[in-house]
Structure formats: structure tokens, C-alpha cells
Protein backbone atom coordinates (compact mmCIF):
# COMPACT_ATOMS: atom_id res chain seq x y z
CA MET A 1 -62.23 27.64 -1.13
CA GLN A 2 -62.48 28.75 -4.95
CA LYS A 3 -58.36 27.86 -5.45
CA ILE A 4 -59.19 24.42 -3.82
CA LYS A 5 -62.04 23.59 -6.04
CA PHE A 6 -60.46 24.86 -8.98
CA ASN A 7 -57.27 22.83 -8.16
CA ARG A 8 -59.20 19.60 -7.75
CA PHE A 9 -61.06 19.79 -10.97
CA ILE A 10 -57.63 20.47 -12.96
CA ALA A 11 -56.23 16.59 -11.23
CA PHE A 12 -59.52 15.06 -12.52
CA VAL A 13 -59.49 16.42 -16.04
CA ALA A 14 -55.74 15.24 -16.17
CA LEU A 15 -56.33 11.80 -14.58
CA LEU A 16 -59.49 11.43 -17.16
CA VAL A 17 -56.99 12.12 -20.00
CA PHE A 18 -54.29 10.38 -19.04
CA ALA A 19 -57.80 7.01 -18.23
CA VAL A 20 -58.92 7.44 -21.69
CA LEU A 21 -56.13 8.65 -24.42
CA PRO A 22 -54.97 4.98 -23.60
CA MET A 23 -57.97 3.57 -24.43
CA MET A 24 -58.25 5.04 -27.87
CA ALA A 25 -55.39 3.39 -29.34
CA ASP A 26 -56.71 0.31 -31.46
CA ASP A 27 -53.85 -2.04 -29.67
CA PHE A 28 -54.94 -1.24 -26.24
CA SER A 29 -56.91 -3.80 -23.85
CA LEU A 30 -57.87 -2.38 -20.41
CA SER A 31 -57.13 -6.18 -19.04
CA SER A 32 -54.04 -6.33 -20.48
CA GLY A 33 -52.82 -3.40 -19.10
CA VAL A 34 -53.96 -3.67 -15.85
CA SER A 35 -52.62 -7.27 -15.80
CA LYS A 36 -49.50 -5.47 -16.59
CA LEU A 37 -49.23 -3.07 -14.25
CA PHE A 38 -50.16 -5.20 -11.78
CA GLY A 39 -47.11 -7.70 -13.14
CA GLU A 40 -44.75 -5.12 -12.42
CA MET A 41 -45.60 -4.90 -9.28
CA GLY A 42 -42.82 -5.95 -6.68
CA PHE A 43 -45.91 -6.45 -4.07
CA THR A 44 -47.18 -9.50 -6.39
CA ALA A 45 -43.69 -11.40 -6.31
CA PHE A 46 -43.90 -11.70 -2.16
CA PHE A 47 -46.73 -14.03 -2.85
CA VAL A 48 -44.79 -16.37 -5.84
CA GLY A 49 -42.50 -18.76 -5.26
CA GLU A 50 -40.12 -18.20 -2.59
CA GLY A 51 -40.82 -14.47 -2.58
CA TRP A 52 -41.46 -14.38 1.45
CA LYS A 53 -37.95 -14.33 1.40
CA ASN A 54 -37.64 -11.18 0.00
CA ALA A 55 -40.04 -9.74 2.40
CA ILE A 56 -38.17 -11.23 5.48
CA MET A 57 -35.13 -9.87 4.12
CA LEU A 58 -36.78 -6.46 4.23
CA GLY A 59 -37.92 -6.59 7.36
CA ILE A 60 -34.15 -7.54 8.89
CA GLY A 61 -32.49 -4.68 6.76
CA CYS A 62 -35.39 -2.28 8.98
CA VAL A 63 -34.06 -3.89 12.11
CA LEU A 64 -30.46 -3.25 11.23
CA LEU A 65 -31.33 0.41 10.30
CA TYR A 66 -32.95 0.54 13.60
CA LEU A 67 -29.66 -0.59 15.35
CA ALA A 68 -27.49 2.08 13.45
CA ILE A 69 -30.04 5.03 13.91
CA LYS A 70 -31.34 4.43 17.11
CA LYS A 71 -28.87 2.60 19.19
CA GLU A 72 -26.14 3.69 16.76
CA TYR A 73 -24.62 0.61 16.39
CA GLU A 74 -21.75 1.21 14.28
CA PRO A 75 -23.83 3.14 12.09
CA LEU A 76 -21.59 4.86 9.54
CA LEU A 77 -21.12 1.47 8.38
CA LEU A 78 -24.89 -0.51 9.52
CA LEU A 79 -26.57 2.20 7.67
CA PRO A 80 -25.59 1.58 4.25
CA ILE A 81 -25.50 -1.87 4.39
CA ALA A 82 -28.94 -2.05 6.08
CA PHE A 83 -30.11 0.43 3.14
CA GLY A 84 -28.44 -1.99 0.23
CA MET A 85 -29.82 -5.05 1.91
CA ILE A 86 -32.88 -3.10 1.06
CA LEU A 87 -32.23 -2.55 -2.05
CA THR A 88 -31.16 -6.02 -3.64
CA ASN A 89 -34.52 -7.25 -1.90
CA LEU A 90 -36.69 -5.26 -3.47
CA PRO A 91 -38.22 -7.73 -6.34
CA GLY A 92 -38.07 -6.70 -9.92
CA ALA A 93 -35.85 -3.46 -8.98
CA GLY A 94 -32.86 -4.89 -10.99
CA LEU A 95 -29.87 -2.80 -8.49
CA PHE A 96 -27.85 -6.01 -7.78
CA HIS A 97 -27.67 -9.50 -9.43
CA THR A 98 -26.01 -12.23 -7.81
CA GLU A 99 -25.60 -14.55 -10.61
CA MET A 100 -23.06 -11.94 -11.87
CA TRP A 101 -20.85 -12.34 -9.21
CA ASN A 102 -20.73 -16.35 -8.85
CA ASN A 103 -17.38 -18.16 -9.43
CA GLU A 104 -18.20 -19.52 -12.81
CA PHE A 105 -19.31 -16.11 -14.08
CA LEU A 106 -16.06 -14.71 -13.51
CA ASN A 107 -13.73 -17.53 -14.20
CA PRO A 108 -12.00 -17.04 -17.64
CA ASP A 109 -11.90 -20.59 -17.98
CA SER A 110 -15.39 -21.31 -17.57
CA PRO A 111 -17.83 -20.83 -20.39
CA TYR A 112 -20.10 -19.02 -18.49
CA PHE A 113 -17.59 -16.28 -18.25
CA HIS A 114 -18.28 -12.85 -18.45
CA SER A 115 -15.87 -9.61 -18.61
CA TYR A 116 -16.52 -6.54 -16.08
CA ARG A 117 -17.33 -4.89 -19.07
CA HIS A 118 -20.74 -7.25 -19.64
CA VAL A 119 -21.33 -6.42 -15.89
CA MET A 120 -20.86 -2.39 -16.90
CA ALA A 121 -23.17 -2.90 -20.12
CA GLU A 122 -26.14 -5.26 -18.09
CA GLY A 123 -25.73 -4.89 -14.71
CA GLY A 124 -27.90 -2.49 -12.33
CA LEU A 125 -26.70 0.23 -10.09
CA LEU A 126 -25.21 -1.49 -7.74
CA ASP A 127 -23.49 -4.19 -10.01
CA VAL A 128 -21.81 -1.63 -11.13
CA LEU A 129 -20.15 -0.19 -7.77
CA TYR A 130 -19.76 -3.47 -6.39
CA ILE A 131 -16.81 -4.09 -8.69
CA GLY A 132 -14.78 -1.64 -6.49
CA VAL A 133 -15.48 -4.25 -3.38
CA LYS A 134 -14.49 -7.34 -6.00
CA ALA A 135 -11.75 -5.81 -7.24
CA GLY A 136 -10.74 -4.97 -3.40
CA ILE A 137 -10.26 -1.63 -4.19
CA TYR A 138 -12.96 -0.28 -1.20
CA PRO A 139 -11.49 -1.72 1.57
CA CYS A 140 -7.75 -0.90 0.60
CA LEU A 141 -8.96 2.87 0.15
CA ILE A 142 -10.47 3.20 4.25
CA PHE A 143 -7.30 1.40 5.01
CA ILE A 144 -5.43 4.45 4.14
CA GLY A 145 -7.77 6.17 5.82
CA VAL A 146 -7.56 4.63 8.98
CA GLY A 147 -4.21 4.90 8.74
CA ALA A 148 -4.20 8.84 8.33
CA MET A 149 -6.72 8.60 12.02
CA THR A 150 -4.45 6.73 13.56
CA ASP A 151 -1.53 7.27 16.44
CA PHE A 152 0.55 4.05 16.37
CA GLY A 153 2.61 6.55 19.37
CA PRO A 154 1.45 4.45 21.95
CA LEU A 155 2.68 1.15 20.33
CA ILE A 156 5.79 2.72 19.55
CA ALA A 157 6.42 3.56 23.20
CA ASN A 158 5.58 0.27 24.66
CA PRO A 159 6.33 -2.52 21.74
CA LYS A 160 5.08 -5.29 24.10
CA SER A 161 1.89 -3.94 22.78
CA LEU A 162 2.66 -5.51 19.75
CA LEU A 163 2.08 -9.14 21.09
CA LEU A 164 -0.95 -7.84 22.82
CA GLY A 165 -2.48 -7.44 19.37
CA ALA A 166 -1.28 -10.66 17.96
CA ALA A 167 -2.86 -12.83 20.53
CA ALA A 168 -5.63 -11.20 20.38
CA GLN A 169 -5.51 -13.07 17.00
CA LEU A 170 -6.32 -16.22 18.30
CA GLY A 171 -10.12 -16.14 18.05
CA ILE A 172 -9.54 -15.54 14.11
CA PHE A 173 -7.20 -19.17 14.33
CA VAL A 174 -9.49 -21.01 16.43
CA THR A 175 -12.69 -20.39 14.21
CA PHE A 176 -11.16 -21.28 11.19
CA ILE A 177 -10.00 -24.14 12.98
CA VAL A 178 -13.38 -25.13 14.37
CA THR A 179 -15.33 -24.23 11.32
CA GLN A 180 -13.38 -26.43 9.19
CA MET A 181 -15.03 -29.77 11.28
CA ASP A 182 -17.10 -32.06 9.07
CA PHE A 183 -20.73 -31.18 10.74
CA MET A 184 -20.17 -27.44 9.93
CA GLY A 185 -20.09 -28.23 5.92
CA PHE A 186 -17.45 -25.03 5.35
CA THR A 187 -14.71 -25.46 2.65
CA ALA A 188 -11.15 -23.89 3.99
CA GLN A 189 -11.36 -20.76 2.26
CA GLN A 190 -15.04 -20.25 3.21
CA ALA A 191 -13.87 -21.09 7.07
CA ALA A 192 -10.72 -18.87 6.61
CA SER A 193 -13.28 -16.26 5.67
CA ILE A 194 -15.47 -16.71 8.31
CA GLY A 195 -12.49 -16.59 10.90
CA ILE A 196 -11.54 -13.36 10.27
CA ILE A 197 -14.55 -12.14 11.78
CA GLY A 198 -12.08 -12.36 14.77
CA GLY A 199 -10.19 -9.70 13.77
CA ALA A 200 -12.89 -7.07 14.55
CA ASP A 201 -11.82 -5.41 11.47
CA GLY A 202 -14.71 -4.80 8.96
CA PRO A 203 -12.44 -4.44 5.75
CA THR A 204 -9.77 -6.82 6.73
CA ALA A 205 -12.74 -9.18 6.64
CA ILE A 206 -14.45 -7.97 3.35
CA PHE A 207 -11.14 -7.78 1.98
CA LEU A 208 -10.50 -11.69 2.34
CA THR A 209 -13.80 -12.78 1.84
CA THR A 210 -14.00 -11.25 -1.41
CA LYS A 211 -10.68 -13.26 -2.24
CA LEU A 212 -11.75 -16.74 -1.47
CA ALA A 213 -15.69 -16.70 -0.41
CA PRO A 214 -17.06 -14.35 -1.98
CA GLU A 215 -20.61 -16.04 -1.79
CA LEU A 216 -20.29 -15.49 2.18
CA LEU A 217 -19.45 -11.76 1.61
CA GLY A 218 -23.02 -10.57 2.50
CA PRO A 219 -23.47 -12.41 5.84
CA ILE A 220 -19.97 -12.39 6.68
CA ALA A 221 -19.76 -8.37 6.58
CA VAL A 222 -23.14 -7.97 8.40
CA ALA A 223 -21.77 -10.39 11.18
CA ALA A 224 -18.55 -8.07 11.33
CA TYR A 225 -19.73 -4.79 11.92
CA SER A 226 -22.98 -6.27 14.20
CA TYR A 227 -20.56 -7.80 16.48
CA MET A 228 -17.83 -4.79 16.48
CA ALA A 229 -20.75 -2.63 17.51
CA LEU A 230 -21.18 -5.26 20.28
CA VAL A 231 -17.86 -5.15 21.64
CA PRO A 232 -18.76 -3.05 25.13
CA VAL A 233 -21.00 -6.18 25.20
CA ILE A 234 -19.25 -8.73 24.42
CA GLN A 235 -16.13 -8.04 26.22
CA PRO A 236 -16.78 -7.22 29.73
CA PRO A 237 -17.86 -10.82 30.94
CA ILE A 238 -15.09 -12.17 29.51
CA MET A 239 -12.67 -9.51 30.94
CA ARG A 240 -13.85 -10.01 34.13
CA LEU A 241 -13.92 -13.60 34.12
CA LEU A 242 -10.54 -14.58 33.41
CA THR A 243 -8.98 -11.70 35.67
CA THR A 244 -8.97 -11.35 39.55
CA GLU A 245 -9.77 -7.80 41.04
CA SER A 246 -6.47 -7.26 41.90
CA GLU A 247 -5.55 -7.40 38.49
CA ARG A 248 -7.66 -5.08 37.21
CA ARG A 249 -6.34 -2.27 40.01
CA ILE A 250 -2.74 -3.05 38.38
CA ARG A 251 -1.68 0.80 37.89
CA MET A 252 0.68 1.28 34.25
CA LYS A 253 3.39 3.74 34.32
CA GLN A 254 2.94 6.59 32.19
CA LEU A 255 3.65 5.94 28.68
CA ARG A 256 7.26 7.86 27.02
CA THR A 257 7.07 10.77 24.50
CA VAL A 258 7.51 9.56 20.96
CA SER A 259 9.26 11.70 18.81
CA LYS A 260 8.03 12.68 15.42
CA LYS A 261 10.87 10.79 14.18
CA GLU A 262 9.92 7.59 15.17
CA LYS A 263 6.49 8.35 14.11
CA ILE A 264 7.97 9.04 10.61
CA ILE A 265 10.07 5.93 10.78
CA PHE A 266 7.85 3.43 11.96
CA PRO A 267 5.31 2.94 9.14
CA ILE A 268 8.26 2.87 6.63
CA VAL A 269 9.80 0.19 8.53
CA VAL A 270 6.68 -1.64 9.03
CA ALA A 271 5.33 -1.78 5.56
CA ILE A 272 8.93 -2.73 3.91
CA ILE A 273 9.55 -5.99 6.95
CA VAL A 274 5.85 -7.05 7.17
CA SER A 275 5.37 -7.04 3.21
CA LEU A 276 9.02 -8.78 2.63
CA ILE A 277 8.20 -11.30 5.11
CA LEU A 278 4.35 -11.76 4.18
CA PRO A 279 3.84 -10.31 1.08
CA SER A 280 0.48 -11.50 0.36
CA ALA A 281 -0.30 -8.75 3.55
CA ALA A 282 1.16 -5.69 1.11
CA THR A 283 -1.49 -4.66 -0.01
CA LEU A 284 -3.69 -4.00 3.82
CA ILE A 285 -0.45 -2.92 5.73
CA GLY A 286 0.99 -0.55 2.33
CA CYS A 287 -2.16 1.35 2.57
CA LEU A 288 -2.62 1.06 6.44
CA MET A 289 1.29 2.43 6.57
CA LEU A 290 0.73 5.10 3.39
CA GLY A 291 -2.22 6.72 5.43
CA ASN A 292 -0.22 7.00 8.29
CA LEU A 293 3.19 8.09 6.89
CA MET A 294 0.71 11.32 5.41
CA LYS A 295 -0.27 11.88 8.79
CA GLU A 296 2.49 11.55 10.72
CA SER A 297 5.28 13.57 7.75
CA GLY A 298 3.33 17.04 8.33
CA VAL A 299 4.52 17.69 4.85
CA VAL A 300 0.86 16.79 3.10
CA GLU A 301 -1.27 17.90 5.19
CA ARG A 302 -4.22 18.33 2.49
CA LEU A 303 -4.01 14.78 1.31
CA SER A 304 -4.08 13.58 4.88
CA LYS A 305 -7.24 15.48 5.95
CA THR A 306 -8.73 14.46 2.76
CA VAL A 307 -8.31 10.27 3.18
CA GLN A 308 -9.39 10.67 6.73
CA ASN A 309 -12.49 12.69 5.32
CA GLU A 310 -13.85 13.12 1.98
CA LEU A 311 -12.65 10.12 0.39
CA ASN A 312 -13.02 7.83 3.36
CA ASN A 313 -16.83 8.92 3.61
CA ILE A 314 -17.38 8.12 -0.56
CA VAL A 315 -15.99 5.00 0.08
CA VAL A 316 -17.61 4.24 3.16
CA ILE A 317 -21.29 4.48 1.45
CA PHE A 318 -20.05 2.48 -1.71
CA LEU A 319 -18.46 0.04 0.68
CA GLY A 320 -21.18 -0.21 2.44
CA THR A 321 -24.34 0.09 0.45
CA THR A 322 -22.78 -2.91 -2.16
CA VAL A 323 -21.56 -5.27 0.37
CA GLY A 324 -25.33 -4.94 1.62
CA ALA A 325 -26.88 -6.05 -1.61
CA THR A 326 -24.75 -9.37 -1.74
CA ALA A 327 -27.37 -10.09 1.40
CA SER A 328 -30.06 -11.59 -1.14
CA ALA A 329 -32.94 -13.56 0.24
CA GLU A 330 -31.30 -17.18 -1.20
CA ALA A 331 -27.81 -16.50 0.38
CA PHE A 332 -28.51 -14.70 3.48
CA LEU A 333 -31.97 -17.13 4.57
CA ASN A 334 -29.87 -20.37 4.87
CA PHE A 335 -28.16 -22.38 7.81
CA GLN A 336 -24.41 -20.98 6.68
CA THR A 337 -25.50 -17.44 7.63
CA LEU A 338 -27.06 -18.38 11.00
CA SER A 339 -23.70 -20.88 11.91
CA ILE A 340 -21.81 -17.45 10.78
CA LEU A 341 -23.80 -15.76 13.02
CA CYS A 342 -23.07 -17.91 15.80
CA VAL A 343 -19.43 -18.87 15.18
CA GLY A 344 -18.72 -14.75 15.31
CA ILE A 345 -19.02 -14.64 18.92
CA LEU A 346 -16.79 -17.64 19.52
CA ALA A 347 -14.30 -15.59 17.17
CA PHE A 348 -14.88 -12.32 19.20
CA GLY A 349 -14.65 -14.12 22.27
CA PHE A 350 -11.17 -16.40 21.83
CA GLY A 351 -9.48 -12.97 20.59
CA THR A 352 -10.74 -11.25 23.36
CA ALA A 353 -9.78 -14.11 25.67
CA GLY A 354 -6.05 -14.56 24.08
CA GLY A 355 -4.99 -11.18 24.67
CA VAL A 356 -6.06 -11.04 28.04
CA LEU A 357 -4.48 -14.14 29.13
CA LEU A 358 -1.23 -13.55 27.30
CA ALA A 359 -0.51 -10.09 29.24
CA LYS A 360 -1.38 -12.90 32.44
CA PHE A 361 1.20 -14.91 31.43
CA MET A 362 3.88 -11.94 30.61
CA ASN A 363 3.09 -10.68 34.66
CA LEU A 364 5.13 -14.20 35.23
CA PHE A 365 8.25 -12.70 33.71
CA LEU A 366 8.00 -8.53 33.89
CA LYS A 367 8.70 -6.10 36.92
CA ASP A 368 6.53 -3.23 36.09
CA LYS A 369 2.94 -5.67 35.59
CA ILE A 370 0.52 -4.89 32.95
CA ASN A 371 -2.97 -4.82 33.93
CA PRO A 372 -4.74 -7.70 31.97
CA LEU A 373 -7.57 -5.60 30.25
CA ILE A 374 -5.64 -3.90 28.18
CA GLY A 375 -4.77 -7.39 26.46
CA SER A 376 -8.55 -7.65 25.34
CA ALA A 377 -7.97 -4.47 23.19
CA GLY A 378 -6.34 -6.75 21.26
CA VAL A 379 -9.10 -6.81 18.48
CA SER A 380 -8.96 -3.96 16.21
CA ALA A 381 -12.08 -2.38 16.99
CA VAL A 382 -10.10 0.77 17.23
CA PRO A 383 -10.55 2.57 19.79
CA MET A 384 -13.77 1.01 21.17
CA ALA A 385 -12.16 -1.98 21.77
CA ALA A 386 -9.96 0.31 24.57
CA ARG A 387 -12.81 2.52 25.65
CA VAL A 388 -14.15 -0.92 27.42
CA SER A 389 -10.57 -1.49 28.68
CA GLN A 390 -10.65 1.85 30.27
CA VAL A 391 -14.30 1.76 31.91
CA GLU A 392 -13.72 -1.99 33.21
CA GLY A 393 -10.38 -0.95 34.91
CA ALA A 394 -12.24 2.13 35.95
CA LYS A 395 -14.72 0.42 37.63
CA ALA A 396 -11.91 -1.25 39.93
CA ASP A 397 -10.14 1.52 40.57
CA PRO A 398 -11.86 5.03 39.39
CA ARG A 399 -8.33 6.67 39.53
CA ASN A 400 -6.82 3.95 37.35
CA PHE A 401 -6.12 5.28 33.96
CA LEU A 402 -5.50 2.38 30.83
CA LEU A 403 -6.80 4.30 28.02
CA MET A 404 -3.81 5.06 26.22
CA HIS A 405 -2.07 1.54 27.65
CA ALA A 406 -4.92 0.13 25.82
CA MET A 407 -4.37 1.83 22.66
CA GLY A 408 -1.04 -0.06 21.95
CA PRO A 409 -2.68 -3.28 21.63
CA ASN A 410 -5.32 -1.75 19.69
CA VAL A 411 -3.48 -0.51 16.94
CA ALA A 412 -1.75 -3.35 16.78
CA GLY A 413 -4.43 -4.96 16.66
CA VAL A 414 -5.17 -3.58 13.18
CA ILE A 415 -1.77 -5.00 12.08
CA GLY A 416 -2.27 -7.93 13.57
CA SER A 417 -5.85 -8.71 11.59
CA ALA A 418 -4.06 -7.83 8.27
CA VAL A 419 -1.17 -10.15 9.16
CA ALA A 420 -3.70 -12.58 9.64
CA ALA A 421 -5.47 -12.02 6.95
CA GLY A 422 -2.09 -12.00 4.41
CA ILE A 423 -1.18 -15.60 6.13
CA LEU A 424 -4.57 -16.90 5.73
CA LEU A 425 -4.56 -15.66 1.95
CA ALA A 426 -0.89 -17.20 1.45
CA PHE A 427 -2.20 -20.59 2.55
CA LEU A 428 -5.41 -20.53 0.60
CA GLY A 429 -5.94 -17.77 -2.14
């Protein structure tokens, strides 16, 4: 008891000293000091001008954190994105400055041009980290990690899967066309960036958006990763609508064993051929295949483990937080954002339908039928979309195992979304 009283006395004396000493200064004014203190508080900004929008964005960030933590919706990226959204909307914190990243600011021909050196000197913490997004570094590093974690064996064993992965990119181009309509109010570059949501590939969406429509990066990233997490909810109704009970029961032959030599040659050949045909896709495809070659060669195990784990985890933290920081109140709370969220569902729906319908069409000519459910796995949400195919197939026939067959279109979708991004970049970049 005596110790508690002594501690309270010490705390009281310290408070008294810090309160009295400033008053002893000749230029101190109690009223001005209190006014300055309250003026610098972020709380006051919520009641000035459009500060209420920041409060709404903080609420949205907390909702996304709930979805990431409680519901486990893509938590590895949704959690840092949500927290980055909170950080950028804290009034007065100065962690991220949207005006530093508009097109005029970084256009050398503009009188308002400032270099990255200016960002390093005047920007906040997230401005500095955002350089990696703007320069396209983070998505490419993540693609190296994705390549090292991907097994292309099911695709090599069943090359027809590549067609299903390509068909699932239908959502990208349908959305691209729809969003260019006059009533939507988007430019061709913005429409392309929105369309890439249909590829269900977050890094690719971020990479293309930073090149074509950086002002939409926040809404597009949030939409892409949110809908990727909702693949088990969005896809099944479409899959059931487009297939019959008998089609969902189709059993496929076991895949052949793929040799190590085939797995080594595959990334090399794909990187060379795709890059020669479509140089604008070389960045993403090259990084993806580099990571896969590290894994399959077996001679750089340390590098393979590093890009799968430590490097990938570090980049995900930087990428997620800085992408979330672009979701400022000005950029997020408008009609465009609502349009992007609505059109994103359209993109996923058409992507799912494209893969399923092509599988049904191929069955008209194939002796060994394809279960159309694996076509929906052509979207690039690895391995979630393949698991959805397995679950839906098991509902029709509990002894039907489609997972490995679905992995073929699934990994083909990773290649397909990168190629689609390269095509859009070649036409509009």
C-alpha cells in the first residue's frame, strides 16, 4: 500500500513539473498551447471539410481486417492491405501522399515533375516503400515465389488444360469491353486495369494497374483480393448452372507421371516462346518461370526455399501495406470504386463460365471426356479454384477425384492472366 501511494506521489510531481515548466517560459501562452495541441490532433480533422470520409475509410479498413482475421479471406494480403488503408487515412500522419503519385507529378514533360529522389526526401514511410510498387518490382518478386511454389506437372501431363486456362481469361476481355461503354465513364487504360480482375491474379492486377491506371490501384487491388477470397462463394452457382448432373459425374483418367527432364525444360521453353511472341509479358512470365526452374532443377534448393518463404513474405508485407495506402478517401469513396466492385463480380463470373463452356465444347470432339467442372479452375486463384472443382465434383460423385486434373487449368490460368496482361499492355501501354 505504501509503495502504491509513493508511486502516485511521483506521478503527480512529474505531471506538475511538466505542466508548470512550460508556463515559466516567457513566450508561453496556455491558450495558444492548448489550441495547438488540439489543432494537431487527428480527431479534429474528422469534423472539418470532408474529414468524415477518412472516418468511413477507417471503418472499411477495420471491416477488411475482420474478414482477414475472423473469416480468413486471403489473410496474407488482405490484412496488410487493410492496415495500409487505415494508416493512409489517419489525418495528419503523413505516411502516404497521394499527390506525389499522380501522373503529372511523375511525368518528366510536366512542369510539376518531381523525381523519386524528391519522394525519398519529402515522402512518408509508405511513399518510400511504394516506389517498389510503382516500379513494378514487388509483383515480379512475388511471381518468382509463386513459380517456385507451383507444380506444372498436371499441365504438362494434360496439355489440353492450357486451352481451359486460356478460356477462363474470357472475363478479362468481356469486362474490358463493358467498362469502355460511355455510361461507365472509364478510359481504355482504366478498363483494361479493371478487366484484369477477372484473371483472379492479384500481383498481375497490381502490375498492370500501376502501368496503365495507377489512380485506380487501391480499389482494384481490394476488389481483386476480396473476390479471390470469395471464389468458393462465386463459382459454385455458375458451375452448377452451366453443367448437368451427368457431366459433373464424369471421371477422368489418371494423369501420367511427368519426368524431371520435362519439368526442367518446360519453364525454359515457355519463357522463351511467350517472350518472343509477346515481349510485354516477358517480365511476369520470366519471373514466374525463373522461380519454377529454381524449384524443378534441384540444384539451388536454398534459393528456391528463400523465394518461397523469406523473400516472398517480406515482399507481401511491403506490397500489401503500400497498395492499401493508395486507398485514400478521395480515391476510394466515389462512383468509380462502386463500379469497379460491381464489375469485378462480372469479370469472375465470365472467367468461370468461359472455362466450363470450353470444356463442354471440347467434349463434343474428345473420346476421353473432360469433366467441365475443371474448366472453372482456369482462373488463376491457385489452388483455391482447383479445390472448388474437387468439392463440386465430389457432391455429384463422392468417389470422383478431380483435384489434380483441375490443377492443370489452374496453373495454366497463372500463365494466361500474365499473357492477357501483356496483350493489354502492348495495346494500351
